[in-house]
N, C-alpha and C. Protein backbone atom coordinates (compact mmCIF):
# COMPACT_ATOMS: atom_id res chain seq x y z
N MET A 1 5.85 -7.45 -6.66
CA MET A 1 7.20 -7.49 -7.17
C MET A 1 7.92 -8.64 -6.46
N PRO A 2 8.73 -9.38 -7.18
CA PRO A 2 9.52 -10.43 -6.52
C PRO A 2 10.43 -9.82 -5.45
N SER A 3 10.51 -10.46 -4.31
CA SER A 3 11.30 -9.91 -3.21
C SER A 3 12.77 -9.77 -3.58
N THR A 4 13.25 -10.55 -4.52
CA THR A 4 14.66 -10.47 -4.92
C THR A 4 14.96 -9.22 -5.74
N ARG A 5 13.93 -8.53 -6.24
CA ARG A 5 14.12 -7.34 -7.07
C ARG A 5 13.88 -6.05 -6.31
N SER A 6 13.75 -6.12 -5.00
CA SER A 6 13.49 -4.91 -4.22
C SER A 6 14.54 -4.75 -3.12
N LYS A 7 14.74 -3.49 -2.72
CA LYS A 7 15.74 -3.20 -1.71
C LYS A 7 15.36 -1.90 -1.01
N VAL A 8 15.42 -1.89 0.30
CA VAL A 8 15.24 -0.67 1.07
C VAL A 8 16.58 0.05 1.06
N THR A 9 16.58 1.31 0.63
CA THR A 9 17.84 2.03 0.46
C THR A 9 18.16 2.98 1.60
N GLN A 10 17.19 3.19 2.49
CA GLN A 10 17.45 4.10 3.60
C GLN A 10 16.64 3.67 4.81
N GLY A 11 17.27 3.57 5.95
CA GLY A 11 16.58 3.22 7.18
C GLY A 11 16.23 1.74 7.25
N GLN A 12 15.57 1.36 8.32
CA GLN A 12 15.15 -0.02 8.53
C GLN A 12 13.66 0.00 8.89
N PRO A 13 12.79 -0.57 8.05
CA PRO A 13 11.35 -0.56 8.36
C PRO A 13 11.02 -1.31 9.65
N LYS A 14 10.00 -0.85 10.33
CA LYS A 14 9.42 -1.58 11.46
C LYS A 14 8.44 -2.58 10.87
N VAL A 15 8.16 -3.65 11.59
CA VAL A 15 7.28 -4.71 11.09
C VAL A 15 6.17 -4.98 12.09
N HIS A 16 4.95 -5.07 11.57
CA HIS A 16 3.79 -5.45 12.38
C HIS A 16 3.27 -6.78 11.86
N GLU A 17 3.15 -7.77 12.73
CA GLU A 17 2.60 -9.07 12.35
C GLU A 17 1.08 -8.95 12.34
N SER A 18 0.51 -8.69 11.16
CA SER A 18 -0.93 -8.43 11.06
C SER A 18 -1.76 -9.71 10.98
N SER A 19 -1.14 -10.84 10.73
CA SER A 19 -1.82 -12.14 10.74
C SER A 19 -0.75 -13.21 10.93
N ALA A 20 -1.15 -14.46 10.92
CA ALA A 20 -0.19 -15.54 11.14
C ALA A 20 0.99 -15.49 10.17
N SER A 21 0.75 -15.15 8.90
CA SER A 21 1.84 -15.08 7.93
C SER A 21 1.99 -13.72 7.27
N GLY A 22 1.11 -12.77 7.59
CA GLY A 22 1.16 -11.43 7.00
C GLY A 22 2.00 -10.47 7.82
N ARG A 23 2.81 -9.68 7.13
CA ARG A 23 3.66 -8.69 7.78
C ARG A 23 3.50 -7.35 7.08
N ARG A 24 3.21 -6.32 7.84
CA ARG A 24 3.11 -4.96 7.32
C ARG A 24 4.36 -4.21 7.74
N HIS A 25 5.08 -3.69 6.77
CA HIS A 25 6.34 -2.98 7.00
C HIS A 25 6.06 -1.49 6.85
N PHE A 26 6.57 -0.69 7.78
CA PHE A 26 6.28 0.74 7.77
C PHE A 26 7.47 1.52 8.30
N CYS A 27 7.48 2.83 8.02
CA CYS A 27 8.54 3.72 8.49
C CYS A 27 8.40 3.87 10.00
N GLY A 28 9.47 3.61 10.74
CA GLY A 28 9.44 3.74 12.19
C GLY A 28 9.44 5.17 12.66
N ASP A 29 9.77 6.12 11.78
CA ASP A 29 9.77 7.54 12.16
C ASP A 29 8.41 8.20 11.96
N CYS A 30 7.80 8.00 10.78
CA CYS A 30 6.55 8.71 10.48
C CYS A 30 5.33 7.81 10.40
N GLY A 31 5.53 6.49 10.33
CA GLY A 31 4.41 5.56 10.30
C GLY A 31 3.87 5.24 8.92
N THR A 32 4.47 5.80 7.87
CA THR A 32 3.99 5.53 6.52
C THR A 32 4.12 4.04 6.19
N GLY A 33 3.02 3.45 5.70
CA GLY A 33 3.07 2.07 5.25
C GLY A 33 3.96 1.95 4.03
N LEU A 34 4.85 0.96 4.01
CA LEU A 34 5.78 0.81 2.90
C LEU A 34 5.46 -0.40 2.03
N PHE A 35 5.33 -1.56 2.65
CA PHE A 35 5.01 -2.75 1.87
C PHE A 35 4.43 -3.84 2.77
N TYR A 36 3.91 -4.87 2.12
CA TYR A 36 3.25 -5.98 2.80
C TYR A 36 3.84 -7.27 2.26
N THR A 37 4.07 -8.22 3.15
CA THR A 37 4.50 -9.55 2.73
C THR A 37 3.61 -10.59 3.40
N ASN A 38 3.42 -11.70 2.72
CA ASN A 38 2.64 -12.81 3.27
C ASN A 38 3.23 -14.09 2.69
N SER A 39 3.95 -14.81 3.52
CA SER A 39 4.67 -16.00 3.05
C SER A 39 3.75 -17.12 2.58
N THR A 40 2.48 -17.08 2.98
CA THR A 40 1.52 -18.11 2.57
C THR A 40 0.79 -17.72 1.30
N VAL A 41 0.24 -16.51 1.27
CA VAL A 41 -0.58 -16.06 0.14
C VAL A 41 0.28 -15.55 -1.02
N LEU A 42 1.38 -14.87 -0.69
CA LEU A 42 2.25 -14.25 -1.71
C LEU A 42 3.70 -14.67 -1.49
N PRO A 43 4.01 -15.96 -1.56
CA PRO A 43 5.39 -16.37 -1.27
C PRO A 43 6.38 -15.74 -2.24
N GLY A 44 7.42 -15.12 -1.68
CA GLY A 44 8.47 -14.52 -2.50
C GLY A 44 8.10 -13.20 -3.15
N ILE A 45 6.94 -12.62 -2.77
CA ILE A 45 6.47 -11.38 -3.39
C ILE A 45 6.33 -10.30 -2.32
N ILE A 46 6.67 -9.07 -2.68
CA ILE A 46 6.47 -7.91 -1.82
C ILE A 46 5.40 -7.04 -2.47
N ASP A 47 4.38 -6.69 -1.72
CA ASP A 47 3.32 -5.80 -2.19
C ASP A 47 3.69 -4.39 -1.73
N ILE A 48 4.27 -3.61 -2.64
CA ILE A 48 4.78 -2.28 -2.31
C ILE A 48 3.65 -1.25 -2.41
N GLN A 49 3.56 -0.37 -1.42
CA GLN A 49 2.60 0.73 -1.46
C GLN A 49 3.06 1.71 -2.55
N SER A 50 2.29 1.84 -3.60
CA SER A 50 2.74 2.59 -4.78
C SER A 50 3.03 4.06 -4.50
N ALA A 51 2.39 4.66 -3.52
CA ALA A 51 2.65 6.07 -3.22
C ALA A 51 4.03 6.29 -2.63
N THR A 52 4.73 5.22 -2.25
CA THR A 52 6.07 5.36 -1.68
C THR A 52 7.17 5.29 -2.72
N TYR A 53 6.84 5.02 -3.98
CA TYR A 53 7.85 5.01 -5.04
C TYR A 53 8.47 6.39 -5.18
N ASP A 54 9.71 6.47 -5.62
CA ASP A 54 10.32 7.76 -5.91
C ASP A 54 9.51 8.52 -6.96
N ASN A 55 8.96 7.79 -7.94
CA ASN A 55 8.14 8.39 -8.98
C ASN A 55 6.88 7.54 -9.17
N PRO A 56 5.85 7.75 -8.35
CA PRO A 56 4.65 6.91 -8.44
C PRO A 56 3.97 6.95 -9.82
N ASP A 57 4.08 8.06 -10.53
CA ASP A 57 3.46 8.16 -11.86
C ASP A 57 4.11 7.23 -12.87
N ALA A 58 5.31 6.76 -12.61
CA ALA A 58 6.02 5.88 -13.54
C ALA A 58 5.44 4.46 -13.54
N VAL A 59 4.63 4.14 -12.53
CA VAL A 59 4.07 2.80 -12.43
C VAL A 59 2.55 2.91 -12.22
N PRO A 60 1.80 3.18 -13.29
CA PRO A 60 0.35 3.36 -13.14
C PRO A 60 -0.34 2.04 -12.76
N PRO A 61 -1.45 2.15 -12.03
CA PRO A 61 -2.18 0.93 -11.64
C PRO A 61 -2.77 0.23 -12.86
N ARG A 62 -2.91 -1.09 -12.76
CA ARG A 62 -3.50 -1.88 -13.84
C ARG A 62 -4.77 -2.59 -13.40
N ALA A 63 -5.04 -2.62 -12.08
CA ALA A 63 -6.23 -3.32 -11.59
C ALA A 63 -6.49 -2.96 -10.14
N HIS A 64 -7.73 -3.16 -9.72
CA HIS A 64 -8.10 -3.11 -8.30
C HIS A 64 -8.01 -4.54 -7.80
N ILE A 65 -7.37 -4.74 -6.65
CA ILE A 65 -7.26 -6.08 -6.10
C ILE A 65 -7.83 -6.10 -4.68
N GLN A 66 -8.06 -7.30 -4.17
CA GLN A 66 -8.57 -7.49 -2.82
C GLN A 66 -9.91 -6.78 -2.63
N VAL A 67 -10.83 -6.94 -3.56
CA VAL A 67 -12.12 -6.26 -3.48
C VAL A 67 -13.24 -7.18 -2.98
N ALA A 68 -12.92 -8.39 -2.60
CA ALA A 68 -13.95 -9.35 -2.16
C ALA A 68 -14.77 -8.81 -1.00
N GLU A 69 -14.13 -8.11 -0.08
CA GLU A 69 -14.85 -7.58 1.08
C GLU A 69 -14.93 -6.06 1.07
N CYS A 70 -14.84 -5.44 -0.10
CA CYS A 70 -14.83 -3.98 -0.13
C CYS A 70 -16.16 -3.41 0.35
N ILE A 71 -16.09 -2.23 0.91
CA ILE A 71 -17.28 -1.51 1.37
C ILE A 71 -18.13 -1.20 0.14
N ARG A 72 -19.44 -1.38 0.25
CA ARG A 72 -20.32 -1.25 -0.92
C ARG A 72 -20.20 0.10 -1.60
N TRP A 73 -20.02 1.19 -0.84
CA TRP A 73 -19.97 2.50 -1.48
C TRP A 73 -18.71 2.70 -2.32
N MET A 74 -17.70 1.84 -2.16
CA MET A 74 -16.49 1.96 -2.98
C MET A 74 -16.77 1.72 -4.46
N GLU A 75 -17.83 0.99 -4.77
CA GLU A 75 -18.18 0.74 -6.17
C GLU A 75 -18.43 2.03 -6.94
N ARG A 76 -18.83 3.09 -6.21
CA ARG A 76 -19.15 4.36 -6.87
C ARG A 76 -18.26 5.50 -6.38
N ALA A 77 -17.19 5.18 -5.67
CA ALA A 77 -16.32 6.22 -5.11
C ALA A 77 -15.73 7.12 -6.20
N HIS A 78 -15.49 6.58 -7.38
CA HIS A 78 -14.91 7.38 -8.46
C HIS A 78 -15.87 8.48 -8.94
N GLU A 79 -17.15 8.40 -8.56
CA GLU A 79 -18.14 9.41 -8.97
C GLU A 79 -18.20 10.59 -8.00
N LEU A 80 -17.55 10.50 -6.86
CA LEU A 80 -17.58 11.57 -5.87
C LEU A 80 -16.79 12.78 -6.34
N PRO A 81 -17.15 13.99 -5.85
CA PRO A 81 -16.37 15.17 -6.21
C PRO A 81 -14.93 15.02 -5.72
N THR A 82 -14.01 15.66 -6.40
CA THR A 82 -12.62 15.66 -5.97
C THR A 82 -12.25 17.04 -5.46
N LEU A 83 -11.40 17.09 -4.44
CA LEU A 83 -10.95 18.34 -3.84
C LEU A 83 -9.43 18.32 -3.79
N ASP A 84 -8.79 19.40 -4.20
CA ASP A 84 -7.33 19.47 -4.17
C ASP A 84 -6.79 19.49 -2.75
N ARG A 85 -7.53 20.03 -1.81
CA ARG A 85 -7.12 20.13 -0.41
C ARG A 85 -8.34 19.87 0.47
N TYR A 86 -8.12 19.87 1.77
CA TYR A 86 -9.25 19.73 2.69
C TYR A 86 -10.25 20.85 2.45
N PRO A 87 -11.55 20.55 2.56
CA PRO A 87 -12.54 21.62 2.39
C PRO A 87 -12.50 22.57 3.58
N PRO A 88 -12.95 23.82 3.38
CA PRO A 88 -12.97 24.77 4.50
C PRO A 88 -13.88 24.23 5.62
N GLN A 89 -13.46 24.48 6.85
CA GLN A 89 -14.26 24.08 8.01
C GLN A 89 -15.23 25.19 8.36
N LYS A 90 -16.46 24.81 8.67
CA LYS A 90 -17.48 25.82 9.00
C LYS A 90 -17.53 26.06 10.48
């Protein structure tokens, strides 16, 4: 999303300099990742963590990105069983 079209409406995110031009913004209270900026790779763009939207279902994903170095088993992760909650511990 263009940085001019976004606004934090509550609190002030903490920032971690994850690379020379990359910045990871997160909640200073709970640690939830909020968004990522990179002035070199994504000038003027904010990469918002979609689970932080007020209504994440309103903005469905359209693609997988940044998969150049993905872990090989991720290619088949969609085939794994799904669980609504943590499985019982034995």
